[in-house]
Amino acid sequence: MRKFKVKGSENYPEILTIMEEAEDRFMVLLEKSNGYGIESREEVLTKELFESCLRTNYLTEVQTA
């Protein structure tokens, strides 16, 4: 699974994980630490929006071991 850090989430990091890939969209899991715990939600992103987020550095890939 590929993981990405969401820009502007330095104090409370938000991580986007691609859970499933379809022809023109991704099912993603967004997890955000809020200081009291972790909030998580599932969203659907179009590939076009996802690629735009990568180009503008709104999302940066997190290297995992």
N, C-alpha and C. Protein backbone atom coordinates (compact mmCIF):
# COMPACT_ATOMS: atom_id res chain seq x y z
N MET A 1 0.84 -1.18 0.00
CA MET A 1 0.00 0.00 0.00
C MET A 1 0.88 1.24 0.00
N ARG A 2 0.54 2.17 -0.84
CA ARG A 2 1.30 3.42 -0.91
C ARG A 2 0.69 4.42 0.07
N LYS A 3 1.57 5.16 0.75
CA LYS A 3 1.14 6.16 1.72
C LYS A 3 1.68 7.52 1.34
N PHE A 4 0.90 8.56 1.64
CA PHE A 4 1.25 9.93 1.29
C PHE A 4 0.94 10.85 2.46
N LYS A 5 1.82 11.82 2.68
CA LYS A 5 1.60 12.83 3.71
C LYS A 5 0.87 14.01 3.07
N VAL A 6 -0.13 14.53 3.78
CA VAL A 6 -0.91 15.65 3.29
C VAL A 6 -0.22 16.95 3.70
N LYS A 7 -0.01 17.85 2.77
CA LYS A 7 0.65 19.12 3.02
C LYS A 7 -0.14 19.95 4.04
N GLY A 8 0.57 20.66 4.90
CA GLY A 8 -0.07 21.53 5.87
C GLY A 8 -0.51 20.81 7.12
N SER A 9 -0.05 19.59 7.31
CA SER A 9 -0.47 18.83 8.48
C SER A 9 0.73 18.52 9.38
N GLU A 10 1.60 19.53 9.58
CA GLU A 10 2.81 19.30 10.37
C GLU A 10 2.50 19.08 11.85
N ASN A 11 1.64 19.91 12.45
CA ASN A 11 1.34 19.77 13.87
C ASN A 11 0.56 18.50 14.17
N TYR A 12 -0.39 18.18 13.32
CA TYR A 12 -1.18 16.97 13.47
C TYR A 12 -1.16 16.23 12.13
N PRO A 13 -0.18 15.35 11.96
CA PRO A 13 0.04 14.71 10.66
C PRO A 13 -1.19 13.98 10.13
N GLU A 14 -1.40 14.13 8.82
CA GLU A 14 -2.48 13.42 8.14
C GLU A 14 -1.86 12.56 7.04
N ILE A 15 -2.20 11.28 7.05
CA ILE A 15 -1.64 10.33 6.10
C ILE A 15 -2.76 9.76 5.24
N LEU A 16 -2.54 9.75 3.93
CA LEU A 16 -3.46 9.17 2.97
C LEU A 16 -2.88 7.84 2.51
N THR A 17 -3.65 6.77 2.62
CA THR A 17 -3.23 5.44 2.18
C THR A 17 -4.16 4.98 1.06
N ILE A 18 -3.58 4.56 -0.05
CA ILE A 18 -4.39 4.02 -1.14
C ILE A 18 -4.78 2.59 -0.78
N MET A 19 -6.07 2.37 -0.63
CA MET A 19 -6.58 1.05 -0.24
C MET A 19 -6.94 0.19 -1.46
N GLU A 20 -7.51 0.85 -2.47
CA GLU A 20 -7.99 0.12 -3.64
C GLU A 20 -7.93 1.03 -4.85
N GLU A 21 -7.60 0.44 -5.98
CA GLU A 21 -7.52 1.21 -7.22
C GLU A 21 -8.51 0.66 -8.23
N ALA A 22 -9.30 1.54 -8.80
CA ALA A 22 -10.23 1.17 -9.87
C ALA A 22 -9.76 1.84 -11.15
N GLU A 23 -10.53 1.73 -12.20
CA GLU A 23 -10.14 2.26 -13.50
C GLU A 23 -9.85 3.76 -13.47
N ASP A 24 -10.71 4.53 -12.82
CA ASP A 24 -10.54 5.99 -12.83
C ASP A 24 -10.61 6.63 -11.46
N ARG A 25 -10.48 5.81 -10.41
CA ARG A 25 -10.55 6.37 -9.05
C ARG A 25 -9.80 5.50 -8.06
N PHE A 26 -9.52 6.11 -6.91
CA PHE A 26 -8.88 5.42 -5.80
C PHE A 26 -9.80 5.45 -4.59
N MET A 27 -9.84 4.36 -3.85
CA MET A 27 -10.46 4.35 -2.53
C MET A 27 -9.30 4.57 -1.56
N VAL A 28 -9.39 5.63 -0.76
CA VAL A 28 -8.27 5.97 0.12
C VAL A 28 -8.75 6.02 1.58
N LEU A 29 -7.81 5.83 2.47
CA LEU A 29 -8.03 5.96 3.90
C LEU A 29 -7.24 7.17 4.37
N LEU A 30 -7.90 8.12 5.00
CA LEU A 30 -7.24 9.29 5.56
C LEU A 30 -7.20 9.13 7.08
N GLU A 31 -5.99 9.21 7.64
CA GLU A 31 -5.82 9.09 9.09
C GLU A 31 -5.12 10.34 9.59
N LYS A 32 -5.70 10.95 10.62
CA LYS A 32 -5.16 12.19 11.14
C LYS A 32 -5.10 12.12 12.65
N SER A 33 -3.90 12.43 13.18
CA SER A 33 -3.74 12.54 14.61
C SER A 33 -4.26 13.91 15.02
N ASN A 34 -5.14 13.95 16.01
CA ASN A 34 -5.71 15.24 16.43
C ASN A 34 -5.24 15.67 17.81
N GLY A 35 -4.24 15.02 18.35
CA GLY A 35 -3.74 15.35 19.68
C GLY A 35 -4.39 14.52 20.77
N TYR A 36 -5.54 13.94 20.48
CA TYR A 36 -6.26 13.11 21.45
C TYR A 36 -6.38 11.66 20.98
N GLY A 37 -6.09 11.43 19.74
CA GLY A 37 -6.22 10.10 19.14
C GLY A 37 -6.11 10.22 17.64
N ILE A 38 -6.60 9.22 16.96
CA ILE A 38 -6.52 9.22 15.50
C ILE A 38 -7.92 9.20 14.91
N GLU A 39 -8.19 10.15 14.03
CA GLU A 39 -9.44 10.18 13.26
C GLU A 39 -9.16 9.49 11.94
N SER A 40 -10.08 8.66 11.49
CA SER A 40 -9.89 8.04 10.18
C SER A 40 -11.20 8.06 9.41
N ARG A 41 -11.06 8.18 8.09
CA ARG A 41 -12.22 8.18 7.22
C ARG A 41 -11.81 7.67 5.84
N GLU A 42 -12.76 7.05 5.17
CA GLU A 42 -12.52 6.57 3.81
C GLU A 42 -13.13 7.56 2.83
N GLU A 43 -12.42 7.79 1.74
CA GLU A 43 -12.87 8.72 0.70
C GLU A 43 -12.59 8.10 -0.67
N VAL A 44 -13.23 8.63 -1.68
CA VAL A 44 -12.97 8.25 -3.07
C VAL A 44 -12.37 9.46 -3.76
N LEU A 45 -11.21 9.26 -4.41
CA LEU A 45 -10.56 10.32 -5.19
C LEU A 45 -10.48 9.88 -6.63
N THR A 46 -10.78 10.80 -7.53
CA THR A 46 -10.56 10.49 -8.94
C THR A 46 -9.05 10.48 -9.19
N LYS A 47 -8.64 9.73 -10.17
CA LYS A 47 -7.21 9.70 -10.50
C LYS A 47 -6.74 11.08 -10.94
N GLU A 48 -7.60 11.82 -11.62
CA GLU A 48 -7.24 13.16 -12.07
C GLU A 48 -6.94 14.07 -10.87
N LEU A 49 -7.79 14.04 -9.86
CA LEU A 49 -7.56 14.85 -8.66
C LEU A 49 -6.31 14.39 -7.92
N PHE A 50 -6.12 13.09 -7.80
CA PHE A 50 -4.96 12.54 -7.13
C PHE A 50 -3.67 12.99 -7.82
N GLU A 51 -3.63 12.88 -9.12
CA GLU A 51 -2.43 13.29 -9.88
C GLU A 51 -2.18 14.79 -9.75
N SER A 52 -3.22 15.57 -9.70
CA SER A 52 -3.09 17.01 -9.49
C SER A 52 -2.48 17.30 -8.11
N CYS A 53 -2.91 16.57 -7.10
CA CYS A 53 -2.37 16.73 -5.75
C CYS A 53 -0.89 16.38 -5.70
N LEU A 54 -0.48 15.38 -6.46
CA LEU A 54 0.94 15.02 -6.53
C LEU A 54 1.76 16.10 -7.23
N ARG A 55 1.24 16.61 -8.35
CA ARG A 55 1.95 17.65 -9.12
C ARG A 55 2.18 18.92 -8.30
N THR A 56 1.20 19.28 -7.48
CA THR A 56 1.29 20.51 -6.70
C THR A 56 1.95 20.30 -5.33
N ASN A 57 2.41 19.07 -5.09
CA ASN A 57 3.04 18.69 -3.82
C ASN A 57 2.10 18.81 -2.62
N TYR A 58 0.80 18.76 -2.86
CA TYR A 58 -0.16 18.69 -1.76
C TYR A 58 -0.03 17.33 -1.08
N LEU A 59 0.32 16.32 -1.87
CA LEU A 59 0.61 14.99 -1.34
C LEU A 59 2.05 14.64 -1.67
N THR A 60 2.77 14.11 -0.68
CA THR A 60 4.12 13.61 -0.93
C THR A 60 4.20 12.19 -0.41
N GLU A 61 4.80 11.31 -1.22
CA GLU A 61 4.85 9.91 -0.85
C GLU A 61 5.76 9.69 0.35
N VAL A 62 5.31 8.83 1.25
CA VAL A 62 6.07 8.46 2.44
C VAL A 62 6.76 7.15 2.14
N GLN A 63 8.06 7.12 2.32
CA GLN A 63 8.82 5.90 2.07
C GLN A 63 8.68 4.98 3.28
N THR A 64 8.24 3.74 3.04
CA THR A 64 8.10 2.76 4.11
C THR A 64 9.14 1.68 3.94
N ALA A 65 9.53 1.10 5.06
CA ALA A 65 10.58 0.07 5.04
C ALA A 65 10.10 -1.25 4.53
